[in-house]
Amino acid sequence: MRLLLKFFIFVFLLLSALAAGTWWWANQPLSLRSSPVDFHVAAGSSMRTAITQMQEAGIEVQPTVLAWLARLNRAETGIKAGSYSVKQGVTPLQLLGKLTRGEVTQGELTLVEGWSFRQWRQRMDKHPDLRHETTGLSEAQIAERLGQNTAQLDGWLFPDTYLFDKQSSDLDLLARALRAMQRKLDSEWGQRDQGLPYKTPLEALVMASIIEKETGQAADRAMVAAVFVNRLRKGMLLQTDPTVIYGLGENFDGNLRKRDLQADTPYNTYTRSGLPPTPIAMPGLASLQAALHPAASDVLYFVAKGDGSSEFSRTLDEHNRAVNRYQRGRK
């Protein structure tokens, strides 16, 4: 009986020593290869797999002890997938807390209103926190991967600041932007003014992209929309330079010439009536709303005043006087 009691006491003391040792270790700073250390825990990872990922990133951790610590804290199956960052001084207990609370780090990318997909792609390709799965793919191939039945993505992605888990796929980010635009377009189309000259949401999206490119100041947006909507209603040519430039593509050298305005393309609104076939840029929500809620005005013309704002006119004579004043410096 005494022997058994001594055995239990020995086991108790041993377990107490192990627990004390583990607790001491759990509160000692870990050795890091550099500071900070960034690592990623893949979805579905076990504690052992996560430990391996941390070791490979440069965190010197004792796998068995950390696994036991996780088990003691009932956190073995509670770790969250995502990207993490730890700095010098972090302890195993703090590290475990980060994993179980899901204190992930995030990347951030702002995709700008009025930009083309080519410009968006250049920005994404340079972002160090994205996993670049679209490398080598054409725009049409990317659109196909996103489930879009179009060769062009201009207009179909919503401009916004996107937060994402580091090392997320650039394709996943584009899919989020696509879903966001579809939601915004569906919502705004459902609340549109009556009597607008659009047959489909696509036509409204095309108009919104033109408004986005033509608006210098936000206060003018609804009036710019009114000009183009009124011209459509009257069967007038839209005569907007940004569509011509878009149609020229890589042939545009930054200087729009008379011969460019006369060169017929599907996007030349000086030679073709109605809207161009596709959007020419990524419109923001304000431009979508302006396209579907234009100002109640009978204006048909506008000219840039040189300060970002525009002068609006109802007749050609008024417009010509405005052009002489603001573009040619004549009173």
C-alpha atoms as a PDB file:
ATOM      1  CA  MET A   1       0.000   0.000   0.000  1.00  0.00           C
ATOM      2  CA  ARG A   2       2.846   2.355   0.912  1.00  0.00           C
ATOM      3  CA  LEU A   3       4.581   1.521  -2.353  1.00  0.00           C
ATOM      4  CA  LEU A   4       1.436   2.410  -4.306  1.00  0.00           C
ATOM      5  CA  LEU A   5       1.092   5.665  -2.371  1.00  0.00           C
ATOM      6  CA  LYS A   6       4.710   6.528  -3.081  1.00  0.00           C
ATOM      7  CA  PHE A   7       4.105   5.792  -6.757  1.00  0.00           C
ATOM      8  CA  PHE A   8       1.098   8.142  -6.900  1.00  0.00           C
ATOM      9  CA  ILE A   9       3.060  10.832  -5.094  1.00  0.00           C
ATOM     10  CA  PHE A  10       5.909  10.405  -7.546  1.00  0.00           C
ATOM     11  CA  VAL A  11       3.554  10.638 -10.513  1.00  0.00           C
ATOM     12  CA  PHE A  12       1.876  13.696  -9.009  1.00  0.00           C
ATOM     13  CA  LEU A  13       5.194  15.422  -8.415  1.00  0.00           C
ATOM     14  CA  LEU A  14       6.376  14.501 -11.896  1.00  0.00           C
ATOM     15  CA  LEU A  15       3.213  15.849 -13.520  1.00  0.00           C
ATOM     16  CA  SER A  16       3.409  18.973 -11.362  1.00  0.00           C
ATOM     17  CA  ALA A  17       6.999  19.495 -12.437  1.00  0.00           C
ATOM     18  CA  LEU A  18       6.064  18.986 -16.071  1.00  0.00           C
ATOM     19  CA  ALA A  19       3.127  21.368 -15.733  1.00  0.00           C
ATOM     20  CA  ALA A  20       5.304  23.951 -14.007  1.00  0.00           C
ATOM     21  CA  GLY A  21       7.987  23.535 -16.649  1.00  0.00           C
ATOM     22  CA  THR A  22       5.444  23.857 -19.440  1.00  0.00           C
ATOM     23  CA  TRP A  23       3.916  26.954 -17.847  1.00  0.00           C
ATOM     24  CA  TRP A  24       7.370  28.500 -17.437  1.00  0.00           C
ATOM     25  CA  TRP A  25       8.206  27.737 -21.072  1.00  0.00           C
ATOM     26  CA  ALA A  26       4.805  29.016 -22.206  1.00  0.00           C
ATOM     27  CA  ASN A  27       5.642  32.449 -20.839  1.00  0.00           C
ATOM     28  CA  GLN A  28       9.189  32.733 -22.178  1.00  0.00           C
ATOM     29  CA  PRO A  29       9.853  34.718 -25.382  1.00  0.00           C
ATOM     30  CA  LEU A  30      10.307  32.568 -28.457  1.00  0.00           C
ATOM     31  CA  SER A  31      13.373  32.874 -30.634  1.00  0.00           C
ATOM     32  CA  LEU A  32      12.568  34.355 -34.059  1.00  0.00           C
ATOM     33  CA  ARG A  33      14.702  34.259 -37.172  1.00  0.00           C
ATOM     34  CA  SER A  34      13.729  37.898 -37.809  1.00  0.00           C
ATOM     35  CA  SER A  35      11.141  40.334 -36.462  1.00  0.00           C
ATOM     36  CA  PRO A  36       8.395  40.387 -37.379  1.00  0.00           C
ATOM     37  CA  VAL A  37       7.825  36.876 -38.699  1.00  0.00           C
ATOM     38  CA  ASP A  38       4.874  36.394 -41.034  1.00  0.00           C
ATOM     39  CA  PHE A  39       3.380  32.957 -41.523  1.00  0.00           C
ATOM     40  CA  HIS A  40       0.239  31.450 -42.975  1.00  0.00           C
ATOM     41  CA  VAL A  41      -1.953  28.707 -41.548  1.00  0.00           C
ATOM     42  CA  ALA A  42      -3.781  26.957 -44.349  1.00  0.00           C
ATOM     43  CA  ALA A  43      -7.463  26.110 -44.015  1.00  0.00           C
ATOM     44  CA  GLY A  44      -7.985  22.696 -42.438  1.00  0.00           C
ATOM     45  CA  SER A  45      -4.547  22.612 -40.810  1.00  0.00           C
ATOM     46  CA  SER A  46      -4.071  20.550 -37.650  1.00  0.00           C
ATOM     47  CA  MET A  47      -2.065  21.930 -34.732  1.00  0.00           C
ATOM     48  CA  ARG A  48       0.921  19.833 -35.796  1.00  0.00           C
ATOM     49  CA  THR A  49       0.698  21.166 -39.372  1.00  0.00           C
ATOM     50  CA  ALA A  50       0.409  24.746 -38.119  1.00  0.00           C
ATOM     51  CA  ILE A  51       3.520  24.229 -35.962  1.00  0.00           C
ATOM     52  CA  THR A  52       5.427  22.997 -39.019  1.00  0.00           C
ATOM     53  CA  GLN A  53       4.330  26.094 -40.960  1.00  0.00           C
ATOM     54  CA  MET A  54       5.518  28.329 -38.115  1.00  0.00           C
ATOM     55  CA  GLN A  55       8.886  26.571 -37.916  1.00  0.00           C
ATOM     56  CA  GLU A  56       9.407  26.925 -41.662  1.00  0.00           C
ATOM     57  CA  ALA A  57       8.658  30.651 -41.377  1.00  0.00           C
ATOM     58  CA  GLY A  58      11.356  31.132 -38.719  1.00  0.00           C
ATOM     59  CA  ILE A  59       9.755  30.632 -35.296  1.00  0.00           C
ATOM     60  CA  GLU A  60      11.832  28.324 -33.098  1.00  0.00           C
ATOM     61  CA  VAL A  61       9.161  26.441 -31.199  1.00  0.00           C
ATOM     62  CA  GLN A  62       9.149  23.045 -29.477  1.00  0.00           C
ATOM     63  CA  PRO A  63       6.453  21.093 -31.353  1.00  0.00           C
ATOM     64  CA  THR A  64       5.649  18.586 -28.609  1.00  0.00           C
ATOM     65  CA  VAL A  65       5.466  21.189 -25.853  1.00  0.00           C
ATOM     66  CA  LEU A  66       3.330  23.595 -27.878  1.00  0.00           C
ATOM     67  CA  ALA A  67       1.007  20.781 -28.882  1.00  0.00           C
ATOM     68  CA  TRP A  68       0.661  19.757 -25.239  1.00  0.00           C
ATOM     69  CA  LEU A  69       0.069  23.381 -24.232  1.00  0.00           C
ATOM     70  CA  ALA A  70      -2.679  23.594 -26.856  1.00  0.00           C
ATOM     71  CA  ARG A  71      -4.246  20.421 -25.503  1.00  0.00           C
ATOM     72  CA  LEU A  72      -4.119  21.747 -21.921  1.00  0.00           C
ATOM     73  CA  ASN A  73      -5.876  24.913 -23.086  1.00  0.00           C
ATOM     74  CA  ARG A  74      -8.395  22.931 -25.143  1.00  0.00           C
ATOM     75  CA  ALA A  75      -7.204  24.813 -28.197  1.00  0.00           C
ATOM     76  CA  GLU A  76      -5.839  21.910 -30.227  1.00  0.00           C
ATOM     77  CA  THR A  77      -8.741  22.007 -32.687  1.00  0.00           C
ATOM     78  CA  GLY A  78      -9.589  25.697 -32.270  1.00  0.00           C
ATOM     79  CA  ILE A  79      -6.908  27.326 -34.408  1.00  0.00           C
ATOM     80  CA  LYS A  80      -8.080  29.656 -37.174  1.00  0.00           C
ATOM     81  CA  ALA A  81      -6.746  29.651 -40.718  1.00  0.00           C
ATOM     82  CA  GLY A  82      -5.192  32.846 -42.054  1.00  0.00           C
ATOM     83  CA  SER A  83      -2.070  34.996 -42.145  1.00  0.00           C
ATOM     84  CA  TYR A  84      -0.340  35.936 -38.908  1.00  0.00           C
ATOM     85  CA  SER A  85       2.487  38.213 -37.852  1.00  0.00           C
ATOM     86  CA  VAL A  86       4.475  37.946 -34.596  1.00  0.00           C
ATOM     87  CA  LYS A  87       7.248  40.150 -33.224  1.00  0.00           C
ATOM     88  CA  GLN A  88      10.238  39.566 -30.996  1.00  0.00           C
ATOM     89  CA  GLY A  89       9.118  38.921 -27.413  1.00  0.00           C
ATOM     90  CA  VAL A  90       6.066  36.851 -28.248  1.00  0.00           C
ATOM     91  CA  THR A  91       5.580  33.882 -25.924  1.00  0.00           C
ATOM     92  CA  PRO A  92       4.129  30.454 -26.824  1.00  0.00           C
ATOM     93  CA  LEU A  93       0.998  31.282 -24.798  1.00  0.00           C
ATOM     94  CA  GLN A  94       0.521  34.557 -26.692  1.00  0.00           C
ATOM     95  CA  LEU A  95       1.145  32.794 -29.986  1.00  0.00           C
ATOM     96  CA  LEU A  96      -1.446  30.172 -29.142  1.00  0.00           C
ATOM     97  CA  GLY A  97      -3.910  32.921 -28.216  1.00  0.00           C
ATOM     98  CA  LYS A  98      -3.422  34.581 -31.597  1.00  0.00           C
ATOM     99  CA  LEU A  99      -4.122  31.315 -33.381  1.00  0.00           C
ATOM    100  CA  THR A 100      -7.272  30.525 -31.421  1.00  0.00           C
ATOM    101  CA  ARG A 101      -8.671  34.075 -31.566  1.00  0.00           C
ATOM    102  CA  GLY A 102      -7.925  34.339 -35.272  1.00  0.00           C
ATOM    103  CA  GLU A 103      -5.898  37.553 -34.968  1.00  0.00           C
ATOM    104  CA  VAL A 104      -4.929  37.465 -38.619  1.00  0.00           C
ATOM    105  CA  THR A 105      -3.078  40.182 -40.483  1.00  0.00           C
ATOM    106  CA  GLN A 106      -4.663  41.572 -43.631  1.00  0.00           C
ATOM    107  CA  GLY A 107      -3.502  43.016 -46.883  1.00  0.00           C
ATOM    108  CA  GLU A 108      -5.157  46.089 -48.348  1.00  0.00           C
ATOM    109  CA  LEU A 109      -5.635  47.172 -51.949  1.00  0.00           C
ATOM    110  CA  THR A 110      -7.525  50.176 -53.323  1.00  0.00           C
ATOM    111  CA  LEU A 111      -8.949  49.705 -56.810  1.00  0.00           C
ATOM    112  CA  VAL A 112      -9.635  53.135 -58.259  1.00  0.00           C
ATOM    113  CA  GLU A 113     -12.772  54.538 -59.880  1.00  0.00           C
ATOM    114  CA  GLY A 114     -12.384  55.371 -63.547  1.00  0.00           C
ATOM    115  CA  TRP A 115      -9.469  53.034 -64.111  1.00  0.00           C
ATOM    116  CA  SER A 116      -9.377  50.338 -66.753  1.00  0.00           C
ATOM    117  CA  PHE A 117      -8.858  46.659 -65.984  1.00  0.00           C
ATOM    118  CA  ARG A 118      -5.350  46.977 -67.388  1.00  0.00           C
ATOM    119  CA  GLN A 119      -4.539  49.642 -64.777  1.00  0.00           C
ATOM    120  CA  TRP A 120      -6.128  47.564 -62.003  1.00  0.00           C
ATOM    121  CA  ARG A 121      -4.114  44.558 -63.071  1.00  0.00           C
ATOM    122  CA  GLN A 122      -0.844  46.483 -62.989  1.00  0.00           C
ATOM    123  CA  ARG A 123      -1.554  47.508 -59.397  1.00  0.00           C
ATOM    124  CA  MET A 124      -2.531  43.971 -58.356  1.00  0.00           C
ATOM    125  CA  ASP A 125       0.519  42.430 -60.016  1.00  0.00           C
ATOM    126  CA  LYS A 126       2.799  44.624 -57.878  1.00  0.00           C
ATOM    127  CA  HIS A 127       1.071  43.847 -54.574  1.00  0.00           C
ATOM    128  CA  PRO A 128       3.337  41.691 -52.375  1.00  0.00           C
ATOM    129  CA  ASP A 129       0.496  40.301 -50.236  1.00  0.00           C
ATOM    130  CA  LEU A 130      -1.436  38.696 -53.092  1.00  0.00           C
ATOM    131  CA  ARG A 131      -0.878  35.262 -54.594  1.00  0.00           C
ATOM    132  CA  HIS A 132      -0.675  35.931 -58.314  1.00  0.00           C
ATOM    133  CA  GLU A 133      -2.713  33.218 -60.005  1.00  0.00           C
ATOM    134  CA  THR A 134      -3.592  35.351 -63.059  1.00  0.00           C
ATOM    135  CA  THR A 135       0.011  35.665 -64.227  1.00  0.00           C
ATOM    136  CA  GLY A 136       0.218  34.750 -67.904  1.00  0.00           C
ATOM    137  CA  LEU A 137      -3.546  34.776 -68.397  1.00  0.00           C
ATOM    138  CA  SER A 138      -5.204  37.063 -70.915  1.00  0.00           C
ATOM    139  CA  GLU A 139      -8.074  39.319 -69.881  1.00  0.00           C
ATOM    140  CA  ALA A 140     -10.489  37.004 -71.694  1.00  0.00           C
ATOM    141  CA  GLN A 141      -9.100  33.983 -69.828  1.00  0.00           C
ATOM    142  CA  ILE A 142      -9.451  35.785 -66.492  1.00  0.00           C
ATOM    143  CA  ALA A 143     -13.037  36.712 -67.378  1.00  0.00           C
ATOM    144  CA  GLU A 144     -13.711  33.059 -68.171  1.00  0.00           C
ATOM    145  CA  ARG A 145     -12.260  31.970 -64.804  1.00  0.00           C
ATOM    146  CA  LEU A 146     -14.639  34.465 -63.173  1.00  0.00           C
ATOM    147  CA  GLY A 147     -17.602  33.051 -65.053  1.00  0.00           C
ATOM    148  CA  GLN A 148     -18.048  36.156 -67.186  1.00  0.00           C
ATOM    149  CA  ASN A 149     -19.258  35.681 -70.760  1.00  0.00           C
ATOM    150  CA  THR A 150     -17.194  38.593 -72.064  1.00  0.00           C
ATOM    151  CA  ALA A 151     -13.682  39.198 -73.319  1.00  0.00           C
ATOM    152  CA  GLN A 152     -13.403  42.456 -71.342  1.00  0.00           C
ATOM    153  CA  LEU A 153     -13.698  43.203 -67.646  1.00  0.00           C
ATOM    154  CA  ASP A 154     -13.800  46.994 -67.860  1.00  0.00           C
ATOM    155  CA  GLY A 155     -16.853  48.219 -65.976  1.00  0.00           C
ATOM    156  CA  TRP A 156     -17.666  44.890 -64.327  1.00  0.00           C
ATOM    157  CA  LEU A 157     -15.529  45.264 -61.179  1.00  0.00           C
ATOM    158  CA  PHE A 158     -16.532  47.550 -58.326  1.00  0.00           C
ATOM    159  CA  PRO A 159     -13.953  50.162 -57.246  1.00  0.00           C
ATOM    160  CA  ASP A 160     -13.302  49.999 -53.520  1.00  0.00           C
ATOM    161  CA  THR A 161     -10.647  49.396 -50.864  1.00  0.00           C
ATOM    162  CA  TYR A 162     -10.457  45.644 -50.345  1.00  0.00           C
ATOM    163  CA  LEU A 163      -9.066  43.960 -47.236  1.00  0.00           C
ATOM    164  CA  PHE A 164      -7.908  40.392 -47.679  1.00  0.00           C
ATOM    165  CA  ASP A 165      -6.032  37.625 -45.949  1.00  0.00           C
ATOM    166  CA  LYS A 166      -2.379  37.832 -46.973  1.00  0.00           C
ATOM    167  CA  GLN A 167      -1.457  35.454 -49.772  1.00  0.00           C
ATOM    168  CA  SER A 168      -5.045  35.311 -50.962  1.00  0.00           C
ATOM    169  CA  SER A 169      -5.471  34.733 -54.673  1.00  0.00           C
ATOM    170  CA  ASP A 170      -5.719  37.763 -56.945  1.00  0.00           C
ATOM    171  CA  LEU A 171      -8.455  35.826 -58.739  1.00  0.00           C
ATOM    172  CA  ASP A 172     -10.452  35.651 -55.489  1.00  0.00           C
ATOM    173  CA  LEU A 173     -10.086  39.421 -55.072  1.00  0.00           C
ATOM    174  CA  LEU A 174     -11.368  40.001 -58.606  1.00  0.00           C
ATOM    175  CA  ALA A 175     -14.292  37.666 -57.927  1.00  0.00           C
ATOM    176  CA  ARG A 176     -15.216  39.758 -54.879  1.00  0.00           C
ATOM    177  CA  ALA A 177     -15.070  42.959 -56.965  1.00  0.00           C
ATOM    178  CA  LEU A 178     -17.243  41.319 -59.633  1.00  0.00           C
ATOM    179  CA  ARG A 179     -19.870  40.211 -57.107  1.00  0.00           C
ATOM    180  CA  ALA A 180     -19.843  43.673 -55.535  1.00  0.00           C
ATOM    181  CA  MET A 181     -20.522  45.356 -58.881  1.00  0.00           C
ATOM    182  CA  GLN A 182     -23.297  42.904 -59.718  1.00  0.00           C
ATOM    183  CA  ARG A 183     -24.971  43.596 -56.374  1.00  0.00           C
ATOM    184  CA  LYS A 184     -24.672  47.373 -56.773  1.00  0.00           C
ATOM    185  CA  LEU A 185     -25.916  47.311 -60.360  1.00  0.00           C
ATOM    186  CA  ASP A 186     -28.878  45.065 -59.540  1.00  0.00           C
ATOM    187  CA  SER A 187     -29.842  47.243 -56.584  1.00  0.00           C
ATOM    188  CA  GLU A 188     -29.555  50.555 -58.427  1.00  0.00           C
ATOM    189  CA  TRP A 189     -31.317  49.212 -61.532  1.00  0.00           C
ATOM    190  CA  GLY A 190     -34.252  48.193 -59.383  1.00  0.00           C
ATOM    191  CA  GLN A 191     -34.562  51.773 -58.084  1.00  0.00           C
ATOM    192  CA  ARG A 192     -34.002  53.597 -61.409  1.00  0.00           C
ATOM    193  CA  ASP A 193     -36.011  56.589 -62.577  1.00  0.00           C
ATOM    194  CA  GLN A 194     -38.814  55.913 -65.010  1.00  0.00           C
ATOM    195  CA  GLY A 195     -38.443  56.728 -68.702  1.00  0.00           C
ATOM    196  CA  LEU A 196     -34.679  56.326 -68.984  1.00  0.00           C
ATOM    197  CA  PRO A 197     -33.334  55.399 -72.449  1.00  0.00           C
ATOM    198  CA  TYR A 198     -31.771  52.101 -71.294  1.00  0.00           C
ATOM    199  CA  LYS A 199     -33.152  48.691 -72.137  1.00  0.00           C
ATOM    200  CA  THR A 200     -30.820  46.666 -69.919  1.00  0.00           C
ATOM    201  CA  PRO A 201     -28.619  47.070 -66.829  1.00  0.00           C
ATOM    202  CA  LEU A 202     -25.604  46.714 -69.150  1.00  0.00           C
ATOM    203  CA  GLU A 203     -26.572  49.905 -70.970  1.00  0.00           C
ATOM    204  CA  ALA A 204     -26.828  51.709 -67.628  1.00  0.00           C
ATOM    205  CA  LEU A 205     -23.374  50.384 -66.705  1.00  0.00           C
ATOM    206  CA  VAL A 206     -21.958  51.648 -70.005  1.00  0.00           C
ATOM    207  CA  MET A 207     -23.454  55.086 -69.340  1.00  0.00           C
ATOM    208  CA  ALA A 208     -22.092  55.090 -65.784  1.00  0.00           C
ATOM    209  CA  SER A 209     -18.592  54.396 -67.120  1.00  0.00           C
ATOM    210  CA  ILE A 210     -18.851  57.378 -69.487  1.00  0.00           C
ATOM    211  CA  ILE A 211     -20.080  59.623 -66.677  1.00  0.00           C
ATOM    212  CA  GLU A 212     -17.170  58.437 -64.519  1.00  0.00           C
ATOM    213  CA  LYS A 213     -14.641  59.474 -67.169  1.00  0.00           C
ATOM    214  CA  GLU A 214     -16.341  62.772 -68.014  1.00  0.00           C
ATOM    215  CA  THR A 215     -16.950  64.135 -64.503  1.00  0.00           C
ATOM    216  CA  GLY A 216     -14.313  66.462 -63.067  1.00  0.00           C
ATOM    217  CA  GLN A 217     -16.174  67.417 -59.892  1.00  0.00           C
ATOM    218  CA  ALA A 218     -18.654  65.285 -57.990  1.00  0.00           C
ATOM    219  CA  ALA A 219     -21.180  68.125 -57.883  1.00  0.00           C
ATOM    220  CA  ASP A 220     -21.466  68.024 -61.691  1.00  0.00           C
ATOM    221  CA  ARG A 221     -22.091  64.289 -61.982  1.00  0.00           C
ATOM    222  CA  ALA A 222     -25.893  64.346 -62.202  1.00  0.00           C
ATOM    223  CA  MET A 223     -25.775  67.170 -64.776  1.00  0.00           C
ATOM    224  CA  VAL A 224     -23.232  65.292 -66.909  1.00  0.00           C
ATOM    225  CA  ALA A 225     -25.628  62.350 -66.777  1.00  0.00           C
ATOM    226  CA  ALA A 226     -28.501  64.627 -67.830  1.00  0.00           C
ATOM    227  CA  VAL A 227     -26.578  65.785 -70.905  1.00  0.00           C
ATOM    228  CA  PHE A 228     -25.982  62.257 -72.165  1.00  0.00           C
ATOM    229  CA  VAL A 229     -29.450  60.988 -71.282  1.00  0.00           C
ATOM    230  CA  ASN A 230     -31.051  63.960 -73.062  1.00  0.00           C
ATOM    231  CA  ARG A 231     -28.898  63.397 -76.149  1.00  0.00           C
ATOM    232  CA  LEU A 232     -29.899  59.725 -76.250  1.00  0.00           C
ATOM    233  CA  ARG A 233     -33.552  60.645 -75.973  1.00  0.00           C
ATOM    234  CA  LYS A 234     -33.253  63.072 -78.891  1.00  0.00           C
ATOM    235  CA  GLY A 235     -31.237  60.676 -81.042  1.00  0.00           C
ATOM    236  CA  MET A 236     -28.200  62.964 -80.953  1.00  0.00           C
ATOM    237  CA  LEU A 237     -24.656  61.629 -81.094  1.00  0.00           C
ATOM    238  CA  LEU A 238     -23.055  61.462 -77.648  1.00  0.00           C
ATOM    239  CA  GLN A 239     -19.764  62.909 -78.958  1.00  0.00           C
ATOM    240  CA  THR A 240     -17.704  62.047 -75.891  1.00  0.00           C
ATOM    241  CA  ASP A 241     -13.909  61.903 -76.181  1.00  0.00           C
ATOM    242  CA  PRO A 242     -13.256  59.140 -73.593  1.00  0.00           C
ATOM    243  CA  THR A 243     -15.124  56.581 -75.717  1.00  0.00           C
ATOM    244  CA  VAL A 244     -13.054  57.521 -78.767  1.00  0.00           C
ATOM    245  CA  ILE A 245      -9.848  57.167 -76.759  1.00  0.00           C
ATOM    246  CA  TYR A 246     -10.981  53.777 -75.470  1.00  0.00           C
ATOM    247  CA  GLY A 247     -11.658  52.618 -79.036  1.00  0.00           C
ATOM    248  CA  LEU A 248      -8.168  53.669 -80.136  1.00  0.00           C
ATOM    249  CA  GLY A 249      -6.655  51.407 -77.490  1.00  0.00           C
ATOM    250  CA  GLU A 250      -2.869  51.243 -77.586  1.00  0.00           C
ATOM    251  CA  ASN A 251      -2.837  53.457 -80.696  1.00  0.00           C
ATOM    252  CA  PHE A 252      -3.724  56.474 -78.558  1.00  0.00           C
ATOM    253  CA  ASP A 253      -0.576  58.484 -77.864  1.00  0.00           C
ATOM    254  CA  GLY A 254      -2.076  60.957 -75.405  1.00  0.00           C
ATOM    255  CA  ASN A 255      -3.043  63.549 -78.018  1.00  0.00           C
ATOM    256  CA  LEU A 256      -6.569  63.312 -79.436  1.00  0.00           C
ATOM    257  CA  ARG A 257      -6.566  64.594 -83.029  1.00  0.00           C
ATOM    258  CA  LYS A 258      -9.281  65.428 -85.552  1.00  0.00           C
ATOM    259  CA  ARG A 259      -8.458  62.288 -87.516  1.00  0.00           C
ATOM    260  CA  ASP A 260      -9.044  60.242 -84.351  1.00  0.00           C
ATOM    261  CA  LEU A 261     -12.536  61.697 -84.015  1.00  0.00           C
ATOM    262  CA  GLN A 262     -13.197  60.671 -87.613  1.00  0.00           C
ATOM    263  CA  ALA A 263     -11.728  57.160 -87.324  1.00  0.00           C
ATOM    264  CA  ASP A 264     -14.724  54.855 -87.050  1.00  0.00           C
ATOM    265  CA  THR A 265     -14.644  52.240 -84.291  1.00  0.00           C
ATOM    266  CA  PRO A 266     -17.497  50.675 -82.274  1.00  0.00           C
ATOM    267  CA  TYR A 267     -16.567  53.174 -79.526  1.00  0.00           C
ATOM    268  CA  ASN A 268     -16.472  56.343 -81.625  1.00  0.00           C
ATOM    269  CA  THR A 269     -19.528  58.276 -80.443  1.00  0.00           C
ATOM    270  CA  TYR A 270     -18.802  60.990 -83.027  1.00  0.00           C
ATOM    271  CA  THR A 271     -19.444  58.546 -85.877  1.00  0.00           C
ATOM    272  CA  ARG A 272     -21.904  56.111 -84.284  1.00  0.00           C
ATOM    273  CA  SER A 273     -25.175  56.806 -82.546  1.00  0.00           C
ATOM    274  CA  GLY A 274     -26.240  55.418 -79.193  1.00  0.00           C
ATOM    275  CA  LEU A 275     -24.063  53.911 -76.510  1.00  0.00           C
ATOM    276  CA  PRO A 276     -20.820  52.034 -77.193  1.00  0.00           C
ATOM    277  CA  PRO A 277     -21.046  48.226 -76.862  1.00  0.00           C
ATOM    278  CA  THR A 278     -19.277  47.842 -73.497  1.00  0.00           C
ATOM    279  CA  PRO A 279     -18.219  49.974 -70.529  1.00  0.00           C
ATOM    280  CA  ILE A 280     -15.005  51.955 -70.954  1.00  0.00           C
ATOM    281  CA  ALA A 281     -13.890  52.111 -67.286  1.00  0.00           C
ATOM    282  CA  MET A 282     -14.800  51.034 -63.776  1.00  0.00           C
ATOM    283  CA  PRO A 283     -17.596  53.320 -62.529  1.00  0.00           C
ATOM    284  CA  GLY A 284     -18.122  53.975 -58.851  1.00  0.00           C
ATOM    285  CA  LEU A 285     -21.449  53.954 -57.045  1.00  0.00           C
ATOM    286  CA  ALA A 286     -21.974  57.710 -57.536  1.00  0.00           C
ATOM    287  CA  SER A 287     -21.715  57.346 -61.312  1.00  0.00           C
ATOM    288  CA  LEU A 288     -24.101  54.383 -61.298  1.00  0.00           C
ATOM    289  CA  GLN A 289     -26.584  56.454 -59.329  1.00  0.00           C
ATOM    290  CA  ALA A 290     -26.167  59.441 -61.657  1.00  0.00           C
ATOM    291  CA  ALA A 291     -26.792  57.264 -64.715  1.00  0.00           C
ATOM    292  CA  LEU A 292     -30.031  55.985 -63.182  1.00  0.00           C
ATOM    293  CA  HIS A 293     -31.059  59.273 -61.520  1.00  0.00           C
ATOM    294  CA  PRO A 294     -29.869  62.100 -63.813  1.00  0.00           C
ATOM    295  CA  ALA A 295     -30.599  65.706 -62.963  1.00  0.00           C
ATOM    296  CA  ALA A 296     -33.986  67.044 -64.085  1.00  0.00           C
ATOM    297  CA  SER A 297     -32.606  69.406 -66.724  1.00  0.00           C
ATOM    298  CA  ASP A 298     -32.819  69.930 -70.485  1.00  0.00           C
ATOM    299  CA  VAL A 299     -29.077  70.609 -70.948  1.00  0.00           C
ATOM    300  CA  LEU A 300     -27.466  69.100 -74.046  1.00  0.00           C
ATOM    301  CA  TYR A 301     -23.865  70.333 -73.894  1.00  0.00           C
ATOM    302  CA  PHE A 302     -21.046  70.894 -71.432  1.00  0.00           C
ATOM    303  CA  VAL A 303     -17.494  72.153 -71.563  1.00  0.00           C
ATOM    304  CA  ALA A 304     -14.667  71.991 -69.046  1.00  0.00           C
ATOM    305  CA  LYS A 305     -14.012  75.306 -67.304  1.00  0.00           C
ATOM    306  CA  GLY A 306     -10.406  74.516 -66.467  1.00  0.00           C
ATOM    307  CA  ASP A 307     -10.879  74.165 -62.718  1.00  0.00           C
ATOM    308  CA  GLY A 308     -12.372  70.664 -62.774  1.00  0.00           C
ATOM    309  CA  SER A 309     -15.940  71.892 -63.081  1.00  0.00           C
ATOM    310  CA  SER A 310     -18.084  72.176 -66.227  1.00  0.00           C
ATOM    311  CA  GLU A 311     -20.320  74.763 -67.859  1.00  0.00           C
ATOM    312  CA  PHE A 312     -23.648  73.335 -69.041  1.00  0.00           C
ATOM    313  CA  SER A 313     -25.713  74.681 -71.933  1.00  0.00           C
ATOM    314  CA  ARG A 314     -29.156  74.069 -73.415  1.00  0.00           C
ATOM    315  CA  THR A 315     -28.470  75.334 -76.937  1.00  0.00           C
ATOM    316  CA  LEU A 316     -25.569  75.126 -79.375  1.00  0.00           C
ATOM    317  CA  ASP A 317     -25.162  78.918 -79.365  1.00  0.00           C
ATOM    318  CA  GLU A 318     -24.793  78.915 -75.565  1.00  0.00           C
ATOM    319  CA  HIS A 319     -22.321  76.068 -75.823  1.00  0.00           C
ATOM    320  CA  ASN A 320     -20.228  77.806 -78.478  1.00  0.00           C
ATOM    321  CA  ARG A 321     -20.003  80.921 -76.306  1.00  0.00           C
ATOM    322  CA  ALA A 322     -18.921  78.745 -73.360  1.00  0.00           C
ATOM    323  CA  VAL A 323     -16.279  77.034 -75.524  1.00  0.00           C
ATOM    324  CA  ASN A 324     -14.937  80.425 -76.661  1.00  0.00           C
ATOM    325  CA  ARG A 325     -14.761  81.622 -73.083  1.00  0.00           C
ATOM    326  CA  TYR A 326     -13.283  78.595 -71.355  1.00  0.00           C
ATOM    327  CA  GLN A 327     -11.354  76.829 -74.118  1.00  0.00           C
ATOM    328  CA  ARG A 328     -10.265  79.657 -76.417  1.00  0.00           C
ATOM    329  CA  GLY A 329      -9.953  82.474 -73.908  1.00  0.00           C
ATOM    330  CA  ARG A 330     -12.444  84.708 -75.675  1.00  0.00           C
ATOM    331  CA  LYS A 331     -15.061  86.747 -73.858  1.00  0.00           C
END
